[in-house]
Amino acid sequence: MEGCKISSKSITLKVDTEIYDKYKEFCKEKGLIVSRQFEIMMEEQLEGEEKND
């Protein structure tokens, strides 16, 4: 995808420390990126809302 630039936005979230630490370790073990997992969850929720409209 040479020449394509995907814009991104940095955000700040407040989450329970224990849950975050466990999820971060889970992602590390699976070779996942925490921020991308949040992005996927947001995409799925938006798609679910579109189907319900």
PDB file of N, CA and C in Angstrom:
ATOM      1  N   MET A   1       0.833  -1.183   0.000  1.00  0.00           N
ATOM      2  CA  MET A   1       0.000   0.000   0.000  1.00  0.00           C
ATOM      3  C   MET A   1       0.879   1.249   0.000  1.00  0.00           C
ATOM      4  N   GLU A   2       1.776   1.272  -0.910  1.00  0.00           N
ATOM      5  CA  GLU A   2       2.684   2.396  -0.997  1.00  0.00           C
ATOM      6  C   GLU A   2       1.917   3.660  -1.361  1.00  0.00           C
ATOM      7  N   GLY A   3       2.205   4.742  -0.669  1.00  0.00           N
ATOM      8  CA  GLY A   3       1.547   6.010  -0.942  1.00  0.00           C
ATOM      9  C   GLY A   3       0.279   6.236  -0.135  1.00  0.00           C
ATOM     10  N   CYS A   4      -0.239   5.196   0.530  1.00  0.00           N
ATOM     11  CA  CYS A   4      -1.432   5.342   1.366  1.00  0.00           C
ATOM     12  C   CYS A   4      -1.017   5.726   2.775  1.00  0.00           C
ATOM     13  N   LYS A   5      -1.705   6.719   3.302  1.00  0.00           N
ATOM     14  CA  LYS A   5      -1.422   7.122   4.678  1.00  0.00           C
ATOM     15  C   LYS A   5      -2.713   6.999   5.481  1.00  0.00           C
ATOM     16  N   ILE A   6      -2.677   6.204   6.526  1.00  0.00           N
ATOM     17  CA  ILE A   6      -3.823   6.014   7.392  1.00  0.00           C
ATOM     18  C   ILE A   6      -3.660   6.947   8.576  1.00  0.00           C
ATOM     19  N   SER A   7      -4.675   7.786   8.800  1.00  0.00           N
ATOM     20  CA  SER A   7      -4.565   8.686   9.941  1.00  0.00           C
ATOM     21  C   SER A   7      -4.953   7.941  11.216  1.00  0.00           C
ATOM     22  N   SER A   8      -4.379   8.370  12.298  1.00  0.00           N
ATOM     23  CA  SER A   8      -4.697   7.773  13.587  1.00  0.00           C
ATOM     24  C   SER A   8      -4.810   8.882  14.621  1.00  0.00           C
ATOM     25  N   LYS A   9      -5.391   8.548  15.737  1.00  0.00           N
ATOM     26  CA  LYS A   9      -5.603   9.512  16.805  1.00  0.00           C
ATOM     27  C   LYS A   9      -5.168   8.881  18.113  1.00  0.00           C
ATOM     28  N   SER A  10      -4.391   9.611  18.875  1.00  0.00           N
ATOM     29  CA  SER A  10      -4.004   9.159  20.207  1.00  0.00           C
ATOM     30  C   SER A  10      -5.094   9.570  21.180  1.00  0.00           C
ATOM     31  N   ILE A  11      -5.451   8.649  22.073  1.00  0.00           N
ATOM     32  CA  ILE A  11      -6.488   8.934  23.052  1.00  0.00           C
ATOM     33  C   ILE A  11      -6.024   8.495  24.434  1.00  0.00           C
ATOM     34  N   THR A  12      -6.693   8.989  25.450  1.00  0.00           N
ATOM     35  CA  THR A  12      -6.419   8.587  26.818  1.00  0.00           C
ATOM     36  C   THR A  12      -7.653   7.891  27.357  1.00  0.00           C
ATOM     37  N   LEU A  13      -7.477   6.727  27.941  1.00  0.00           N
ATOM     38  CA  LEU A  13      -8.586   5.972  28.522  1.00  0.00           C
ATOM     39  C   LEU A  13      -8.295   5.712  29.985  1.00  0.00           C
ATOM     40  N   LYS A  14      -9.351   5.687  30.781  1.00  0.00           N
ATOM     41  CA  LYS A  14      -9.205   5.263  32.171  1.00  0.00           C
ATOM     42  C   LYS A  14      -9.829   3.881  32.280  1.00  0.00           C
ATOM     43  N   VAL A  15      -9.019   2.924  32.703  1.00  0.00           N
ATOM     44  CA  VAL A  15      -9.497   1.559  32.882  1.00  0.00           C
ATOM     45  C   VAL A  15      -8.968   1.031  34.206  1.00  0.00           C
ATOM     46  N   ASP A  16      -9.644   0.048  34.727  1.00  0.00           N
ATOM     47  CA  ASP A  16      -9.220  -0.588  35.972  1.00  0.00           C
ATOM     48  C   ASP A  16      -7.812  -1.147  35.782  1.00  0.00           C
ATOM     49  N   THR A  17      -6.918  -0.822  36.693  1.00  0.00           N
ATOM     50  CA  THR A  17      -5.516  -1.217  36.590  1.00  0.00           C
ATOM     51  C   THR A  17      -5.342  -2.729  36.494  1.00  0.00           C
ATOM     52  N   GLU A  18      -6.047  -3.467  37.337  1.00  0.00           N
ATOM     53  CA  GLU A  18      -5.902  -4.921  37.342  1.00  0.00           C
ATOM     54  C   GLU A  18      -6.371  -5.522  36.025  1.00  0.00           C
ATOM     55  N   ILE A  19      -7.488  -5.050  35.523  1.00  0.00           N
ATOM     56  CA  ILE A  19      -8.010  -5.557  34.245  1.00  0.00           C
ATOM     57  C   ILE A  19      -7.044  -5.219  33.114  1.00  0.00           C
ATOM     58  N   TYR A  20      -6.562  -3.986  33.102  1.00  0.00           N
ATOM     59  CA  TYR A  20      -5.629  -3.581  32.054  1.00  0.00           C
ATOM     60  C   TYR A  20      -4.361  -4.425  32.070  1.00  0.00           C
ATOM     61  N   ASP A  21      -3.802  -4.617  33.249  1.00  0.00           N
ATOM     62  CA  ASP A  21      -2.576  -5.409  33.360  1.00  0.00           C
ATOM     63  C   ASP A  21      -2.784  -6.837  32.868  1.00  0.00           C
ATOM     64  N   LYS A  22      -3.922  -7.436  33.232  1.00  0.00           N
ATOM     65  CA  LYS A  22      -4.229  -8.797  32.764  1.00  0.00           C
ATOM     66  C   LYS A  22      -4.412  -8.825  31.252  1.00  0.00           C
ATOM     67  N   TYR A  23      -5.123  -7.814  30.721  1.00  0.00           N
ATOM     68  CA  TYR A  23      -5.374  -7.775  29.274  1.00  0.00           C
ATOM     69  C   TYR A  23      -4.080  -7.518  28.502  1.00  0.00           C
ATOM     70  N   LYS A  24      -3.231  -6.661  29.045  1.00  0.00           N
ATOM     71  CA  LYS A  24      -1.943  -6.384  28.405  1.00  0.00           C
ATOM     72  C   LYS A  24      -1.106  -7.658  28.328  1.00  0.00           C
ATOM     73  N   GLU A  25      -1.081  -8.436  29.397  1.00  0.00           N
ATOM     74  CA  GLU A  25      -0.345  -9.698  29.412  1.00  0.00           C
ATOM     75  C   GLU A  25      -0.967 -10.697  28.426  1.00  0.00           C
ATOM     76  N   PHE A  26      -2.297 -10.748  28.387  1.00  0.00           N
ATOM     77  CA  PHE A  26      -3.012 -11.605  27.435  1.00  0.00           C
ATOM     78  C   PHE A  26      -2.590 -11.266  26.008  1.00  0.00           C
ATOM     79  N   CYS A  27      -2.592  -9.973  25.676  1.00  0.00           N
ATOM     80  CA  CYS A  27      -2.205  -9.542  24.337  1.00  0.00           C
ATOM     81  C   CYS A  27      -0.750  -9.890  24.039  1.00  0.00           C
ATOM     82  N   LYS A  28       0.109  -9.704  25.023  1.00  0.00           N
ATOM     83  CA  LYS A  28       1.521 -10.025  24.841  1.00  0.00           C
ATOM     84  C   LYS A  28       1.702 -11.503  24.513  1.00  0.00           C
ATOM     85  N   GLU A  29       1.008 -12.373  25.248  1.00  0.00           N
ATOM     86  CA  GLU A  29       1.103 -13.818  25.018  1.00  0.00           C
ATOM     87  C   GLU A  29       0.588 -14.215  23.634  1.00  0.00           C
ATOM     88  N   LYS A  30      -0.414 -13.483  23.143  1.00  0.00           N
ATOM     89  CA  LYS A  30      -1.027 -13.801  21.844  1.00  0.00           C
ATOM     90  C   LYS A  30      -0.371 -13.055  20.687  1.00  0.00           C
ATOM     91  N   GLY A  31       0.585 -12.174  20.999  1.00  0.00           N
ATOM     92  CA  GLY A  31       1.237 -11.388  19.947  1.00  0.00           C
ATOM     93  C   GLY A  31       0.336 -10.299  19.397  1.00  0.00           C
ATOM     94  N   LEU A  32      -0.547  -9.767  20.245  1.00  0.00           N
ATOM     95  CA  LEU A  32      -1.505  -8.741  19.835  1.00  0.00           C
ATOM     96  C   LEU A  32      -1.078  -7.375  20.347  1.00  0.00           C
ATOM     97  N   ILE A  33      -1.610  -6.348  19.736  1.00  0.00           N
ATOM     98  CA  ILE A  33      -1.364  -4.972  20.154  1.00  0.00           C
ATOM     99  C   ILE A  33      -2.619  -4.483  20.872  1.00  0.00           C
ATOM    100  N   VAL A  34      -2.459  -4.031  22.109  1.00  0.00           N
ATOM    101  CA  VAL A  34      -3.604  -3.624  22.935  1.00  0.00           C
ATOM    102  C   VAL A  34      -4.452  -2.582  22.224  1.00  0.00           C
ATOM    103  N   SER A  35      -3.841  -1.545  21.681  1.00  0.00           N
ATOM    104  CA  SER A  35      -4.619  -0.474  21.057  1.00  0.00           C
ATOM    105  C   SER A  35      -5.408  -0.978  19.856  1.00  0.00           C
ATOM    106  N   ARG A  36      -4.841  -1.902  19.100  1.00  0.00           N
ATOM    107  CA  ARG A  36      -5.565  -2.458  17.939  1.00  0.00           C
ATOM    108  C   ARG A  36      -6.755  -3.279  18.412  1.00  0.00           C
ATOM    109  N   GLN A  37      -6.639  -3.960  19.545  1.00  0.00           N
ATOM    110  CA  GLN A  37      -7.758  -4.743  20.075  1.00  0.00           C
ATOM    111  C   GLN A  37      -8.915  -3.824  20.471  1.00  0.00           C
ATOM    112  N   PHE A  38      -8.601  -2.666  21.063  1.00  0.00           N
ATOM    113  CA  PHE A  38      -9.645  -1.686  21.380  1.00  0.00           C
ATOM    114  C   PHE A  38     -10.310  -1.200  20.098  1.00  0.00           C
ATOM    115  N   GLU A  39      -9.499  -0.947  19.079  1.00  0.00           N
ATOM    116  CA  GLU A  39     -10.024  -0.473  17.807  1.00  0.00           C
ATOM    117  C   GLU A  39     -10.969  -1.506  17.192  1.00  0.00           C
ATOM    118  N   ILE A  40     -10.593  -2.778  17.233  1.00  0.00           N
ATOM    119  CA  ILE A  40     -11.438  -3.847  16.697  1.00  0.00           C
ATOM    120  C   ILE A  40     -12.750  -3.924  17.470  1.00  0.00           C
ATOM    121  N   MET A  41     -12.678  -3.808  18.808  1.00  0.00           N
ATOM    122  CA  MET A  41     -13.905  -3.838  19.616  1.00  0.00           C
ATOM    123  C   MET A  41     -14.836  -2.673  19.254  1.00  0.00           C
ATOM    124  N   MET A  42     -14.263  -1.495  19.027  1.00  0.00           N
ATOM    125  CA  MET A  42     -15.079  -0.341  18.636  1.00  0.00           C
ATOM    126  C   MET A  42     -15.719  -0.556  17.274  1.00  0.00           C
ATOM    127  N   GLU A  43     -14.954  -1.093  16.327  1.00  0.00           N
ATOM    128  CA  GLU A  43     -15.480  -1.380  14.991  1.00  0.00           C
ATOM    129  C   GLU A  43     -16.641  -2.367  15.070  1.00  0.00           C
ATOM    130  N   GLU A  44     -16.472  -3.431  15.848  1.00  0.00           N
ATOM    131  CA  GLU A  44     -17.514  -4.448  15.975  1.00  0.00           C
ATOM    132  C   GLU A  44     -18.780  -3.877  16.607  1.00  0.00           C
ATOM    133  N   GLN A  45     -18.622  -3.028  17.607  1.00  0.00           N
ATOM    134  CA  GLN A  45     -19.786  -2.431  18.254  1.00  0.00           C
ATOM    135  C   GLN A  45     -20.521  -1.510  17.276  1.00  0.00           C
ATOM    136  N   LEU A  46     -19.784  -0.729  16.499  1.00  0.00           N
ATOM    137  CA  LEU A  46     -20.413   0.152  15.522  1.00  0.00           C
ATOM    138  C   LEU A  46     -21.144  -0.653  14.453  1.00  0.00           C
ATOM    139  N   GLU A  47     -20.546  -1.737  13.986  1.00  0.00           N
ATOM    140  CA  GLU A  47     -21.200  -2.594  12.995  1.00  0.00           C
ATOM    141  C   GLU A  47     -22.470  -3.198  13.559  1.00  0.00           C
ATOM    142  N   GLY A  48     -22.453  -3.592  14.834  1.00  0.00           N
ATOM    143  CA  GLY A  48     -23.630  -4.147  15.479  1.00  0.00           C
ATOM    144  C   GLY A  48     -24.741  -3.129  15.579  1.00  0.00           C
ATOM    145  N   GLU A  49     -24.400  -1.881  15.847  1.00  0.00           N
ATOM    146  CA  GLU A  49     -25.404  -0.810  15.922  1.00  0.00           C
ATOM    147  C   GLU A  49     -26.009  -0.550  14.562  1.00  0.00           C
ATOM    148  N   GLU A  50     -25.193  -0.591  13.501  1.00  0.00           N
ATOM    149  CA  GLU A  50     -25.699  -0.359  12.152  1.00  0.00           C
ATOM    150  C   GLU A  50     -26.702  -1.433  11.748  1.00  0.00           C
ATOM    151  N   LYS A  51     -26.468  -2.669  12.181  1.00  0.00           N
ATOM    152  CA  LYS A  51     -27.384  -3.760  11.866  1.00  0.00           C
ATOM    153  C   LYS A  51     -28.706  -3.614  12.612  1.00  0.00           C
ATOM    154  N   ASN A  52     -28.658  -2.984  13.809  1.00  0.00           N
ATOM    155  CA  ASN A  52     -29.860  -2.811  14.620  1.00  0.00           C
ATOM    156  C   ASN A  52     -30.685  -1.594  14.205  1.00  0.00           C
ATOM    157  N   ASP A  53     -30.118  -0.714  13.384  1.00  0.00           N
ATOM    158  CA  ASP A  53     -30.850   0.500  12.972  1.00  0.00           C
ATOM    159  C   ASP A  53     -31.817   0.225  11.851  1.00  0.00           C
TER     160      ASP A  53
END
